[in-house]
Amino acid sequence: MEIVKRPHVQNFIDWSADKPEVVVLTADLTNSSEVGNWRDTYPDRFFPMKMAEQNMMGFAAGLAREGYQPWIHTFAVFIYRRPFDQMAMSIAYPNLPVRFVGFLPGITTPGGVTHQAIEDLSVMRATPNMVILETGDATEVESVLDVAHSIDGPVYIRMLRGEVPRLFPKDEPMRLDRVRILSEGDDVTVFTAGITTEEAMRAAAPLAAAGVGMTHVHVSTHKPFADPMILESIRRAKYGVVTLENHTIVGGLGSAVAEVMAENAVGKRLVRLGLQDTYAHGASRQYLMKEYGLDAPALVKGIEDLLGRPTGITESDLEGVRIEAVHSLAKAEAL
């Protein structure tokens, strides 16, 4: 597996070169949001707003009304928690083209509850006019820019940073409201997004060897959620559906899949794996994924629950977990 170090940094600089309307705002997290080099390259298009997220939203709304395309770069929690009223009323309500690039989604940070965006999808899905994207690898980190740029309205991005794996070919970019089918089988269908996709891929070969046919659906667009392949993949599953998400099981991917199943009268079981209506604490990403059941072993157990039988798969059978250094130069998890 190729590991790409900080794929957003230079890619965003190159992408912005012929787009003078693109401006960047940060809230005292410039380098932590990977736009320090962008600032140095385009200093006249960069606005440091200090630790004043509510003001940053109003400022971005004004820029958008004047024909600019603001790209807010900060931690995900500082996009939807503190300044929600300003974001909703000044940007989402008038449907302005502001892009919210939210780093450290879910439990990708050891910063504890103050920095872990674990309910952002539920909040942003409930916000009218908001398009929601999530990157799952380096290819999507690079191609999400074009997707967001094409949308005439606000866009929220759950962005990965630091050392990011390339799971998908570079010539297969993210597409709006289109899922990726990573494996096919008739027994169970598994939906993943973001960092949980790599976990499901770890389990794919052992499940196949155990005779379990799994359709693995990778989601990069949380809203809209209308790709026909979603419903087709759900209907294909003989035993039921599992969702695995870096978020609470309330209001996120599991809820979106449940809505599709209910609205289309699909009478199958749904197992939602993720944070079970709880806050997480500060620790490494790998520890938290295991502690709260967001990893490959948890997925296998969820599938066994659907099947009603053990698969015989042990943790040693799963492909090795990729360990990221919390305080590496790429700052994969560190604040």
C-alpha atoms as a PDB file:
ATOM      1  CA  MET A   1       0.000   0.000   0.000  1.00  0.00           C
ATOM      2  CA  GLU A   2       1.355   3.423  -0.952  1.00  0.00           C
ATOM      3  CA  ILE A   3       1.432   5.939   1.893  1.00  0.00           C
ATOM      4  CA  VAL A   4       1.262   9.554   0.756  1.00  0.00           C
ATOM      5  CA  LYS A   5       2.666  12.186   3.076  1.00  0.00           C
ATOM      6  CA  ARG A   6       0.422  15.249   3.405  1.00  0.00           C
ATOM      7  CA  PRO A   7      -1.326  14.908   0.016  1.00  0.00           C
ATOM      8  CA  HIS A   8      -3.422  18.030   0.514  1.00  0.00           C
ATOM      9  CA  VAL A   9      -0.537  20.482   0.938  1.00  0.00           C
ATOM     10  CA  GLN A  10       0.993  20.852  -2.514  1.00  0.00           C
ATOM     11  CA  ASN A  11      -2.063  19.579  -4.352  1.00  0.00           C
ATOM     12  CA  PHE A  12      -4.210  22.426  -2.999  1.00  0.00           C
ATOM     13  CA  ILE A  13      -1.545  24.960  -3.948  1.00  0.00           C
ATOM     14  CA  ASP A  14      -1.328  23.671  -7.518  1.00  0.00           C
ATOM     15  CA  TRP A  15      -5.094  23.380  -7.851  1.00  0.00           C
ATOM     16  CA  SER A  16      -5.638  26.978  -6.706  1.00  0.00           C
ATOM     17  CA  ALA A  17      -3.156  28.516  -9.152  1.00  0.00           C
ATOM     18  CA  ASP A  18      -5.699  29.333 -11.878  1.00  0.00           C
ATOM     19  CA  LYS A  19      -8.596  30.026  -9.503  1.00  0.00           C
ATOM     20  CA  PRO A  20      -8.184  33.599  -8.164  1.00  0.00           C
ATOM     21  CA  GLU A  21     -11.652  33.407  -6.636  1.00  0.00           C
ATOM     22  CA  VAL A  22     -10.450  30.762  -4.155  1.00  0.00           C
ATOM     23  CA  VAL A  23      -9.479  32.266  -0.799  1.00  0.00           C
ATOM     24  CA  VAL A  24      -8.568  30.540   2.469  1.00  0.00           C
ATOM     25  CA  LEU A  25      -9.648  31.354   6.021  1.00  0.00           C
ATOM     26  CA  THR A  26      -8.269  29.689   9.140  1.00  0.00           C
ATOM     27  CA  ALA A  27      -8.924  29.998  12.868  1.00  0.00           C
ATOM     28  CA  ASP A  28      -5.441  29.977  14.363  1.00  0.00           C
ATOM     29  CA  LEU A  29      -4.740  26.493  12.978  1.00  0.00           C
ATOM     30  CA  THR A  30      -2.900  27.297   9.770  1.00  0.00           C
ATOM     31  CA  ASN A  31      -0.167  24.652   9.772  1.00  0.00           C
ATOM     32  CA  SER A  32      -2.331  22.139  11.623  1.00  0.00           C
ATOM     33  CA  SER A  33      -4.806  22.470   8.757  1.00  0.00           C
ATOM     34  CA  GLU A  34      -2.055  22.072   6.148  1.00  0.00           C
ATOM     35  CA  VAL A  35      -2.316  25.526   4.555  1.00  0.00           C
ATOM     36  CA  GLY A  36       0.888  27.151   5.833  1.00  0.00           C
ATOM     37  CA  ASN A  37       2.544  26.718   2.445  1.00  0.00           C
ATOM     38  CA  TRP A  38      -0.641  27.872   0.719  1.00  0.00           C
ATOM     39  CA  ARG A  39      -0.509  31.084   2.769  1.00  0.00           C
ATOM     40  CA  ASP A  40       3.084  31.663   1.741  1.00  0.00           C
ATOM     41  CA  THR A  41       2.239  31.067  -1.920  1.00  0.00           C
ATOM     42  CA  TYR A  42      -0.889  33.237  -2.046  1.00  0.00           C
ATOM     43  CA  PRO A  43      -0.557  35.714   0.844  1.00  0.00           C
ATOM     44  CA  ASP A  44      -3.115  38.148  -0.607  1.00  0.00           C
ATOM     45  CA  ARG A  45      -5.761  35.418  -0.662  1.00  0.00           C
ATOM     46  CA  PHE A  46      -5.231  34.196   2.889  1.00  0.00           C
ATOM     47  CA  PHE A  47      -7.190  35.433   5.920  1.00  0.00           C
ATOM     48  CA  PRO A  48      -6.117  34.404   9.448  1.00  0.00           C
ATOM     49  CA  MET A  49      -9.207  34.893  11.603  1.00  0.00           C
ATOM     50  CA  LYS A  50      -7.631  33.957  14.957  1.00  0.00           C
ATOM     51  CA  MET A  51      -9.677  31.976  17.480  1.00  0.00           C
ATOM     52  CA  ALA A  52     -12.954  33.571  16.421  1.00  0.00           C
ATOM     53  CA  GLU A  53     -14.891  30.969  14.465  1.00  0.00           C
ATOM     54  CA  GLN A  54     -18.223  32.805  14.622  1.00  0.00           C
ATOM     55  CA  ASN A  55     -16.663  35.892  13.056  1.00  0.00           C
ATOM     56  CA  MET A  56     -14.922  33.671  10.506  1.00  0.00           C
ATOM     57  CA  MET A  57     -18.290  32.376   9.294  1.00  0.00           C
ATOM     58  CA  GLY A  58     -19.675  35.880   8.833  1.00  0.00           C
ATOM     59  CA  PHE A  59     -16.506  37.008   7.094  1.00  0.00           C
ATOM     60  CA  ALA A  60     -16.653  34.014   4.736  1.00  0.00           C
ATOM     61  CA  ALA A  61     -20.298  34.764   3.959  1.00  0.00           C
ATOM     62  CA  GLY A  62     -19.377  38.333   2.996  1.00  0.00           C
ATOM     63  CA  LEU A  63     -16.573  37.134   0.733  1.00  0.00           C
ATOM     64  CA  ALA A  64     -18.912  34.632  -0.936  1.00  0.00           C
ATOM     65  CA  ARG A  65     -21.479  37.361  -1.615  1.00  0.00           C
ATOM     66  CA  GLU A  66     -18.753  39.374  -3.352  1.00  0.00           C
ATOM     67  CA  GLY A  67     -17.939  36.578  -5.772  1.00  0.00           C
ATOM     68  CA  TYR A  68     -15.143  34.786  -3.921  1.00  0.00           C
ATOM     69  CA  GLN A  69     -15.100  31.093  -2.992  1.00  0.00           C
ATOM     70  CA  PRO A  70     -13.941  30.845   0.627  1.00  0.00           C
ATOM     71  CA  TRP A  71     -12.282  27.609   1.754  1.00  0.00           C
ATOM     72  CA  ILE A  72     -12.370  27.472   5.547  1.00  0.00           C
ATOM     73  CA  HIS A  73      -9.618  25.225   6.923  1.00  0.00           C
ATOM     74  CA  THR A  74      -9.828  24.205  10.571  1.00  0.00           C
ATOM     75  CA  PHE A  75     -10.588  21.229  12.793  1.00  0.00           C
ATOM     76  CA  ALA A  76     -14.020  19.760  12.119  1.00  0.00           C
ATOM     77  CA  VAL A  77     -15.315  20.487  15.623  1.00  0.00           C
ATOM     78  CA  PHE A  78     -14.683  24.205  15.151  1.00  0.00           C
ATOM     79  CA  ILE A  79     -16.888  24.295  12.069  1.00  0.00           C
ATOM     80  CA  TYR A  80     -20.162  22.971  13.456  1.00  0.00           C
ATOM     81  CA  ARG A  81     -20.083  23.241  17.267  1.00  0.00           C
ATOM     82  CA  ARG A  82     -19.119  26.769  18.280  1.00  0.00           C
ATOM     83  CA  PRO A  83     -20.294  28.732  15.223  1.00  0.00           C
ATOM     84  CA  PHE A  84     -23.314  26.686  14.165  1.00  0.00           C
ATOM     85  CA  ASP A  85     -25.777  29.585  14.222  1.00  0.00           C
ATOM     86  CA  GLN A  86     -23.542  31.754  12.047  1.00  0.00           C
ATOM     87  CA  MET A  87     -22.769  28.866   9.709  1.00  0.00           C
ATOM     88  CA  ALA A  88     -26.442  27.965   9.336  1.00  0.00           C
ATOM     89  CA  MET A  89     -27.927  31.459   9.065  1.00  0.00           C
ATOM     90  CA  SER A  90     -25.164  33.338   7.233  1.00  0.00           C
ATOM     91  CA  ILE A  91     -23.991  30.594   4.857  1.00  0.00           C
ATOM     92  CA  ALA A  92     -26.341  27.595   4.590  1.00  0.00           C
ATOM     93  CA  TYR A  93     -29.604  29.561   4.599  1.00  0.00           C
ATOM     94  CA  PRO A  94     -28.583  31.840   1.674  1.00  0.00           C
ATOM     95  CA  ASN A  95     -26.898  28.820   0.018  1.00  0.00           C
ATOM     96  CA  LEU A  96     -23.504  30.480  -0.390  1.00  0.00           C
ATOM     97  CA  PRO A  97     -20.511  28.672  -1.969  1.00  0.00           C
ATOM     98  CA  VAL A  98     -18.362  28.308   1.143  1.00  0.00           C
ATOM     99  CA  ARG A  99     -16.265  25.164   1.542  1.00  0.00           C
ATOM    100  CA  PHE A 100     -15.672  23.858   5.059  1.00  0.00           C
ATOM    101  CA  VAL A 101     -12.553  21.676   5.197  1.00  0.00           C
ATOM    102  CA  GLY A 102     -12.817  19.857   8.516  1.00  0.00           C
ATOM    103  CA  PHE A 103      -9.726  18.027   9.756  1.00  0.00           C
ATOM    104  CA  LEU A 104      -9.550  15.379  12.517  1.00  0.00           C
ATOM    105  CA  PRO A 105     -13.039  13.906  11.997  1.00  0.00           C
ATOM    106  CA  GLY A 106     -14.270  11.431  14.600  1.00  0.00           C
ATOM    107  CA  ILE A 107     -11.543   9.732  16.605  1.00  0.00           C
ATOM    108  CA  THR A 108      -8.610  10.515  14.307  1.00  0.00           C
ATOM    109  CA  THR A 109      -7.152  12.691  17.062  1.00  0.00           C
ATOM    110  CA  PRO A 110      -5.974  11.918  20.607  1.00  0.00           C
ATOM    111  CA  GLY A 111      -7.273  15.333  21.682  1.00  0.00           C
ATOM    112  CA  GLY A 112     -10.295  13.976  23.515  1.00  0.00           C
ATOM    113  CA  VAL A 113     -13.878  15.221  23.419  1.00  0.00           C
ATOM    114  CA  THR A 114     -13.022  18.866  22.730  1.00  0.00           C
ATOM    115  CA  HIS A 115     -11.346  17.975  19.428  1.00  0.00           C
ATOM    116  CA  GLN A 116     -13.205  14.843  18.290  1.00  0.00           C
ATOM    117  CA  ALA A 117     -15.950  15.540  15.753  1.00  0.00           C
ATOM    118  CA  ILE A 118     -18.145  12.554  16.522  1.00  0.00           C
ATOM    119  CA  GLU A 119     -21.589  14.048  15.787  1.00  0.00           C
ATOM    120  CA  ASP A 120     -20.755  16.338  12.872  1.00  0.00           C
ATOM    121  CA  LEU A 121     -22.534  14.242  10.251  1.00  0.00           C
ATOM    122  CA  SER A 122     -25.769  14.249  12.239  1.00  0.00           C
ATOM    123  CA  VAL A 123     -25.629  18.041  12.598  1.00  0.00           C
ATOM    124  CA  MET A 124     -24.591  18.794   9.035  1.00  0.00           C
ATOM    125  CA  ARG A 125     -26.997  16.271   7.474  1.00  0.00           C
ATOM    126  CA  ALA A 126     -29.820  18.116   9.244  1.00  0.00           C
ATOM    127  CA  THR A 127     -28.668  21.467   7.843  1.00  0.00           C
ATOM    128  CA  PRO A 128     -30.539  22.373   4.629  1.00  0.00           C
ATOM    129  CA  ASN A 129     -28.507  23.085   1.461  1.00  0.00           C
ATOM    130  CA  MET A 130     -25.398  21.403   2.894  1.00  0.00           C
ATOM    131  CA  VAL A 131     -23.486  18.911   0.739  1.00  0.00           C
ATOM    132  CA  ILE A 132     -21.322  16.532   2.790  1.00  0.00           C
ATOM    133  CA  LEU A 133     -18.216  14.750   1.494  1.00  0.00           C
ATOM    134  CA  GLU A 134     -15.710  12.494   3.254  1.00  0.00           C
ATOM    135  CA  THR A 135     -12.259  11.496   2.064  1.00  0.00           C
ATOM    136  CA  GLY A 136     -11.132   7.907   2.513  1.00  0.00           C
ATOM    137  CA  ASP A 137      -7.665   7.919   0.966  1.00  0.00           C
ATOM    138  CA  ALA A 138      -5.066  10.075  -0.795  1.00  0.00           C
ATOM    139  CA  THR A 139      -6.868   9.893  -4.136  1.00  0.00           C
ATOM    140  CA  GLU A 140     -10.008  11.320  -2.572  1.00  0.00           C
ATOM    141  CA  VAL A 141      -8.057  13.966  -0.652  1.00  0.00           C
ATOM    142  CA  GLU A 142      -6.711  15.137  -4.009  1.00  0.00           C
ATOM    143  CA  SER A 143      -9.927  14.856  -6.030  1.00  0.00           C
ATOM    144  CA  VAL A 144     -12.387  16.216  -3.458  1.00  0.00           C
ATOM    145  CA  LEU A 145     -11.315  19.718  -4.476  1.00  0.00           C
ATOM    146  CA  ASP A 146     -12.886  19.436  -7.927  1.00  0.00           C
ATOM    147  CA  VAL A 147     -16.055  17.907  -6.503  1.00  0.00           C
ATOM    148  CA  ALA A 148     -16.522  20.674  -3.944  1.00  0.00           C
ATOM    149  CA  HIS A 149     -15.584  23.392  -6.432  1.00  0.00           C
ATOM    150  CA  SER A 150     -18.369  22.282  -8.787  1.00  0.00           C
ATOM    151  CA  ILE A 151     -21.165  22.714  -6.236  1.00  0.00           C
ATOM    152  CA  ASP A 152     -23.155  25.947  -6.165  1.00  0.00           C
ATOM    153  CA  GLY A 153     -23.673  26.049  -2.409  1.00  0.00           C
ATOM    154  CA  PRO A 154     -22.022  25.170   0.906  1.00  0.00           C
ATOM    155  CA  VAL A 155     -19.935  22.004   1.172  1.00  0.00           C
ATOM    156  CA  TYR A 156     -18.637  20.280   4.292  1.00  0.00           C
ATOM    157  CA  ILE A 157     -15.613  17.990   3.887  1.00  0.00           C
ATOM    158  CA  ARG A 158     -14.372  15.453   6.425  1.00  0.00           C
ATOM    159  CA  MET A 159     -10.715  15.695   5.453  1.00  0.00           C
ATOM    160  CA  LEU A 160      -7.765  13.411   6.165  1.00  0.00           C
ATOM    161  CA  ARG A 161      -4.288  14.811   6.735  1.00  0.00           C
ATOM    162  CA  GLY A 162      -0.789  13.635   7.496  1.00  0.00           C
ATOM    163  CA  GLU A 163       0.234  10.199   6.220  1.00  0.00           C
ATOM    164  CA  VAL A 164      -2.664   8.975   4.108  1.00  0.00           C
ATOM    165  CA  PRO A 165      -2.897   5.607   2.301  1.00  0.00           C
ATOM    166  CA  ARG A 166      -3.743   5.436  -1.377  1.00  0.00           C
ATOM    167  CA  LEU A 167      -6.493   2.845  -1.539  1.00  0.00           C
ATOM    168  CA  PHE A 168      -7.962   3.841  -4.904  1.00  0.00           C
ATOM    169  CA  PRO A 169      -6.189   4.422  -8.247  1.00  0.00           C
ATOM    170  CA  LYS A 170      -5.289   8.029  -9.037  1.00  0.00           C
ATOM    171  CA  ASP A 171      -7.321   7.826 -12.231  1.00  0.00           C
ATOM    172  CA  GLU A 172     -10.475   6.939 -10.291  1.00  0.00           C
ATOM    173  CA  PRO A 173     -11.311  10.223  -8.536  1.00  0.00           C
ATOM    174  CA  MET A 174     -14.134  10.925  -6.134  1.00  0.00           C
ATOM    175  CA  ARG A 175     -17.480  11.540  -7.841  1.00  0.00           C
ATOM    176  CA  LEU A 176     -20.396  13.379  -6.293  1.00  0.00           C
ATOM    177  CA  ASP A 177     -23.075  11.033  -4.921  1.00  0.00           C
ATOM    178  CA  ARG A 178     -21.388   7.948  -6.330  1.00  0.00           C
ATOM    179  CA  VAL A 179     -20.261   5.063  -4.136  1.00  0.00           C
ATOM    180  CA  ARG A 180     -17.392   2.682  -4.831  1.00  0.00           C
ATOM    181  CA  ILE A 181     -18.066  -1.053  -4.875  1.00  0.00           C
ATOM    182  CA  LEU A 182     -14.842  -2.572  -3.530  1.00  0.00           C
ATOM    183  CA  SER A 183     -15.948  -6.201  -3.364  1.00  0.00           C
ATOM    184  CA  GLU A 184     -19.065  -8.169  -4.263  1.00  0.00           C
ATOM    185  CA  GLY A 185     -20.901 -10.988  -2.531  1.00  0.00           C
ATOM    186  CA  ASP A 186     -24.443 -12.073  -1.781  1.00  0.00           C
ATOM    187  CA  ASP A 187     -24.336 -12.757   1.970  1.00  0.00           C
ATOM    188  CA  VAL A 188     -23.829  -9.349   3.593  1.00  0.00           C
ATOM    189  CA  THR A 189     -23.397  -5.756   2.484  1.00  0.00           C
ATOM    190  CA  VAL A 190     -21.006  -3.514   4.396  1.00  0.00           C
ATOM    191  CA  PHE A 191     -21.039   0.289   4.151  1.00  0.00           C
ATOM    192  CA  THR A 192     -17.952   2.231   5.230  1.00  0.00           C
ATOM    193  CA  ALA A 193     -16.578   5.750   4.892  1.00  0.00           C
ATOM    194  CA  GLY A 194     -13.344   7.540   5.716  1.00  0.00           C
ATOM    195  CA  ILE A 195     -10.875   5.594   7.863  1.00  0.00           C
ATOM    196  CA  THR A 196     -13.229   2.637   8.341  1.00  0.00           C
ATOM    197  CA  THR A 197     -12.921   1.647   4.684  1.00  0.00           C
ATOM    198  CA  GLU A 198      -9.319   0.532   5.224  1.00  0.00           C
ATOM    199  CA  GLU A 199     -10.508  -1.588   8.161  1.00  0.00           C
ATOM    200  CA  ALA A 200     -13.121  -3.366   6.059  1.00  0.00           C
ATOM    201  CA  MET A 201     -10.523  -3.996   3.371  1.00  0.00           C
ATOM    202  CA  ARG A 202      -8.368  -5.717   6.020  1.00  0.00           C
ATOM    203  CA  ALA A 203     -11.215  -8.169   6.595  1.00  0.00           C
ATOM    204  CA  ALA A 204     -12.139  -8.826   2.962  1.00  0.00           C
ATOM    205  CA  ALA A 205      -9.760 -11.713   2.209  1.00  0.00           C
ATOM    206  CA  PRO A 206     -10.349 -13.622   5.484  1.00  0.00           C
ATOM    207  CA  LEU A 207     -14.113 -13.332   5.035  1.00  0.00           C
ATOM    208  CA  ALA A 208     -13.875 -14.644   1.492  1.00  0.00           C
ATOM    209  CA  ALA A 209     -11.702 -17.524   2.701  1.00  0.00           C
ATOM    210  CA  ALA A 210     -14.349 -18.294   5.333  1.00  0.00           C
ATOM    211  CA  GLY A 211     -16.987 -18.520   2.615  1.00  0.00           C
ATOM    212  CA  VAL A 212     -18.699 -15.217   3.402  1.00  0.00           C
ATOM    213  CA  GLY A 213     -19.732 -13.213   0.352  1.00  0.00           C
ATOM    214  CA  MET A 214     -19.394  -9.516   1.190  1.00  0.00           C
ATOM    215  CA  THR A 215     -20.401  -6.548  -0.917  1.00  0.00           C
ATOM    216  CA  HIS A 216     -18.271  -3.668   0.353  1.00  0.00           C
ATOM    217  CA  VAL A 217     -19.611  -0.197  -0.412  1.00  0.00           C
ATOM    218  CA  HIS A 218     -17.346   2.806   0.184  1.00  0.00           C
ATOM    219  CA  VAL A 219     -19.230   6.075   0.697  1.00  0.00           C
ATOM    220  CA  SER A 220     -17.662   9.471  -0.002  1.00  0.00           C
ATOM    221  CA  THR A 221     -20.878  11.525  -0.328  1.00  0.00           C
ATOM    222  CA  HIS A 222     -23.047  11.529   2.796  1.00  0.00           C
ATOM    223  CA  LYS A 223     -25.470  14.116   1.429  1.00  0.00           C
ATOM    224  CA  PRO A 224     -26.991  13.738  -1.090  1.00  0.00           C
ATOM    225  CA  PHE A 225     -27.289   9.977  -0.579  1.00  0.00           C
ATOM    226  CA  ALA A 226     -29.139   8.870  -3.689  1.00  0.00           C
ATOM    227  CA  ASP A 227     -26.804   6.674  -5.748  1.00  0.00           C
ATOM    228  CA  PRO A 228     -28.959   3.758  -7.029  1.00  0.00           C
ATOM    229  CA  MET A 229     -26.107   1.392  -6.147  1.00  0.00           C
ATOM    230  CA  ILE A 230     -26.848   1.998  -2.463  1.00  0.00           C
ATOM    231  CA  LEU A 231     -30.297   0.435  -2.615  1.00  0.00           C
ATOM    232  CA  GLU A 232     -29.164  -2.245  -5.063  1.00  0.00           C
ATOM    233  CA  SER A 233     -26.369  -3.297  -2.715  1.00  0.00           C
ATOM    234  CA  ILE A 234     -28.745  -3.397   0.250  1.00  0.00           C
ATOM    235  CA  ARG A 235     -31.244  -5.570  -1.578  1.00  0.00           C
ATOM    236  CA  ARG A 236     -28.491  -7.969  -2.641  1.00  0.00           C
ATOM    237  CA  ALA A 237     -27.585  -8.954   0.922  1.00  0.00           C
ATOM    238  CA  LYS A 238     -29.080 -12.287   1.983  1.00  0.00           C
ATOM    239  CA  TYR A 239     -28.498 -11.881   5.724  1.00  0.00           C
ATOM    240  CA  GLY A 240     -28.449  -8.120   6.148  1.00  0.00           C
ATOM    241  CA  VAL A 241     -26.369  -4.965   6.242  1.00  0.00           C
ATOM    242  CA  VAL A 242     -23.542  -3.645   8.431  1.00  0.00           C
ATOM    243  CA  THR A 243     -22.442  -0.024   8.649  1.00  0.00           C
ATOM    244  CA  LEU A 244     -19.037   0.865  10.083  1.00  0.00           C
ATOM    245  CA  GLU A 245     -18.404   4.544  10.725  1.00  0.00           C
ATOM    246  CA  ASN A 246     -16.027   6.952  12.436  1.00  0.00           C
ATOM    247  CA  HIS A 247     -18.959   8.724  14.112  1.00  0.00           C
ATOM    248  CA  THR A 248     -21.729   8.003  16.551  1.00  0.00           C
ATOM    249  CA  ILE A 249     -24.292   5.532  15.251  1.00  0.00           C
ATOM    250  CA  VAL A 250     -26.904   8.294  15.617  1.00  0.00           C
ATOM    251  CA  GLY A 251     -27.420  10.489  12.576  1.00  0.00           C
ATOM    252  CA  GLY A 252     -24.461   9.394  10.468  1.00  0.00           C
ATOM    253  CA  LEU A 253     -23.868   6.677   7.881  1.00  0.00           C
ATOM    254  CA  GLY A 254     -25.858   4.053   9.779  1.00  0.00           C
ATOM    255  CA  SER A 255     -28.845   6.366  10.002  1.00  0.00           C
ATOM    256  CA  ALA A 256     -28.611   7.263   6.305  1.00  0.00           C
ATOM    257  CA  VAL A 257     -28.612   3.573   5.342  1.00  0.00           C
ATOM    258  CA  ALA A 258     -31.509   2.896   7.734  1.00  0.00           C
ATOM    259  CA  GLU A 259     -33.508   5.680   6.087  1.00  0.00           C
ATOM    260  CA  VAL A 260     -32.968   4.157   2.642  1.00  0.00           C
ATOM    261  CA  MET A 261     -33.998   0.725   3.909  1.00  0.00           C
ATOM    262  CA  ALA A 262     -37.133   2.039   5.627  1.00  0.00           C
ATOM    263  CA  GLU A 263     -38.233   4.271   2.763  1.00  0.00           C
ATOM    264  CA  ASN A 264     -37.902   1.393   0.301  1.00  0.00           C
ATOM    265  CA  ALA A 265     -39.466  -1.254   2.576  1.00  0.00           C
ATOM    266  CA  VAL A 266     -36.359  -3.425   2.687  1.00  0.00           C
ATOM    267  CA  GLY A 267     -37.051  -5.854   5.516  1.00  0.00           C
ATOM    268  CA  LYS A 268     -33.530  -6.902   6.471  1.00  0.00           C
ATOM    269  CA  ARG A 269     -31.421  -6.576   9.591  1.00  0.00           C
ATOM    270  CA  LEU A 270     -29.077  -3.632  10.007  1.00  0.00           C
ATOM    271  CA  VAL A 271     -26.102  -3.709  12.379  1.00  0.00           C
ATOM    272  CA  ARG A 272     -24.669  -0.234  13.063  1.00  0.00           C
ATOM    273  CA  LEU A 273     -21.057  -0.177  14.238  1.00  0.00           C
ATOM    274  CA  GLY A 274     -19.506   3.030  15.504  1.00  0.00           C
ATOM    275  CA  LEU A 275     -19.522   5.064  18.684  1.00  0.00           C
ATOM    276  CA  GLN A 276     -22.500   3.772  20.653  1.00  0.00           C
ATOM    277  CA  ASP A 277     -23.996   7.079  21.866  1.00  0.00           C
ATOM    278  CA  THR A 278     -20.870   7.905  23.851  1.00  0.00           C
ATOM    279  CA  TYR A 279     -17.962  10.310  23.875  1.00  0.00           C
ATOM    280  CA  ALA A 280     -14.489   8.930  23.305  1.00  0.00           C
ATOM    281  CA  HIS A 281     -11.398   9.801  25.317  1.00  0.00           C
ATOM    282  CA  GLY A 282      -7.882  10.828  24.370  1.00  0.00           C
ATOM    283  CA  ALA A 283      -5.707   8.034  22.944  1.00  0.00           C
ATOM    284  CA  SER A 284      -4.168   6.895  19.670  1.00  0.00           C
ATOM    285  CA  ARG A 285      -6.393   6.258  16.703  1.00  0.00           C
ATOM    286  CA  GLN A 286      -5.661   2.515  16.705  1.00  0.00           C
ATOM    287  CA  TYR A 287      -6.461   2.188  20.408  1.00  0.00           C
ATOM    288  CA  LEU A 288      -9.722   4.121  20.083  1.00  0.00           C
ATOM    289  CA  MET A 289     -10.857   2.151  17.041  1.00  0.00           C
ATOM    290  CA  LYS A 290     -10.379  -1.081  18.959  1.00  0.00           C
ATOM    291  CA  GLU A 291     -11.813   0.266  22.216  1.00  0.00           C
ATOM    292  CA  TYR A 292     -15.009   1.539  20.588  1.00  0.00           C
ATOM    293  CA  GLY A 293     -15.489  -1.172  17.970  1.00  0.00           C
ATOM    294  CA  LEU A 294     -14.604   0.640  14.756  1.00  0.00           C
ATOM    295  CA  ASP A 295     -11.927  -1.753  13.497  1.00  0.00           C
ATOM    296  CA  ALA A 296     -11.719  -4.939  11.396  1.00  0.00           C
ATOM    297  CA  PRO A 297     -12.279  -7.380  14.316  1.00  0.00           C
ATOM    298  CA  ALA A 298     -15.424  -5.456  15.286  1.00  0.00           C
ATOM    299  CA  LEU A 299     -16.657  -5.707  11.713  1.00  0.00           C
ATOM    300  CA  VAL A 300     -16.125  -9.475  11.690  1.00  0.00           C
ATOM    301  CA  LYS A 301     -18.135  -9.780  14.902  1.00  0.00           C
ATOM    302  CA  GLY A 302     -20.915  -7.672  13.406  1.00  0.00           C
ATOM    303  CA  ILE A 303     -21.037  -9.894  10.344  1.00  0.00           C
ATOM    304  CA  GLU A 304     -21.089 -12.995  12.552  1.00  0.00           C
ATOM    305  CA  ASP A 305     -24.070 -11.466  14.362  1.00  0.00           C
ATOM    306  CA  LEU A 306     -25.903 -11.192  11.055  1.00  0.00           C
ATOM    307  CA  LEU A 307     -24.942 -14.691   9.942  1.00  0.00           C
ATOM    308  CA  GLY A 308     -25.881 -16.205  13.271  1.00  0.00           C
ATOM    309  CA  ARG A 309     -22.700 -18.249  13.327  1.00  0.00           C
ATOM    310  CA  PRO A 310     -18.963 -17.833  13.881  1.00  0.00           C
ATOM    311  CA  THR A 311     -16.670 -17.453  10.899  1.00  0.00           C
ATOM    312  CA  GLY A 312     -13.594 -18.804  12.655  1.00  0.00           C
ATOM    313  CA  ILE A 313     -11.686 -15.626  11.799  1.00  0.00           C
ATOM    314  CA  THR A 314      -9.246 -14.471  14.475  1.00  0.00           C
ATOM    315  CA  GLU A 315      -7.409 -11.173  14.786  1.00  0.00           C
ATOM    316  CA  SER A 316      -4.237 -12.853  13.563  1.00  0.00           C
ATOM    317  CA  ASP A 317      -6.062 -13.782  10.339  1.00  0.00           C
ATOM    318  CA  LEU A 318      -6.765 -10.131   9.524  1.00  0.00           C
ATOM    319  CA  GLU A 319      -4.330  -8.089   7.497  1.00  0.00           C
ATOM    320  CA  GLY A 320      -1.953  -6.151   9.732  1.00  0.00           C
ATOM    321  CA  VAL A 321      -3.086  -2.822  11.073  1.00  0.00           C
ATOM    322  CA  ARG A 322      -1.177   0.180   9.783  1.00  0.00           C
ATOM    323  CA  ILE A 323       0.331   2.074  12.706  1.00  0.00           C
ATOM    324  CA  GLU A 324       0.729   5.825  12.358  1.00  0.00           C
ATOM    325  CA  ALA A 325       3.125   7.773  14.565  1.00  0.00           C
ATOM    326  CA  VAL A 326       1.081  10.290  16.534  1.00  0.00           C
ATOM    327  CA  HIS A 327       3.874  12.856  16.575  1.00  0.00           C
ATOM    328  CA  SER A 328       5.477  12.179  13.198  1.00  0.00           C
ATOM    329  CA  LEU A 329       6.579  15.072  10.984  1.00  0.00           C
ATOM    330  CA  ALA A 330       3.376  14.599   9.016  1.00  0.00           C
ATOM    331  CA  LYS A 331       1.322  15.186  12.185  1.00  0.00           C
ATOM    332  CA  ALA A 332      -1.146  12.453  11.291  1.00  0.00           C
ATOM    333  CA  GLU A 333      -3.014  12.711  14.582  1.00  0.00           C
ATOM    334  CA  ALA A 334      -1.285  15.308  16.716  1.00  0.00           C
ATOM    335  CA  LEU A 335      -2.888  18.671  17.379  1.00  0.00           C
END
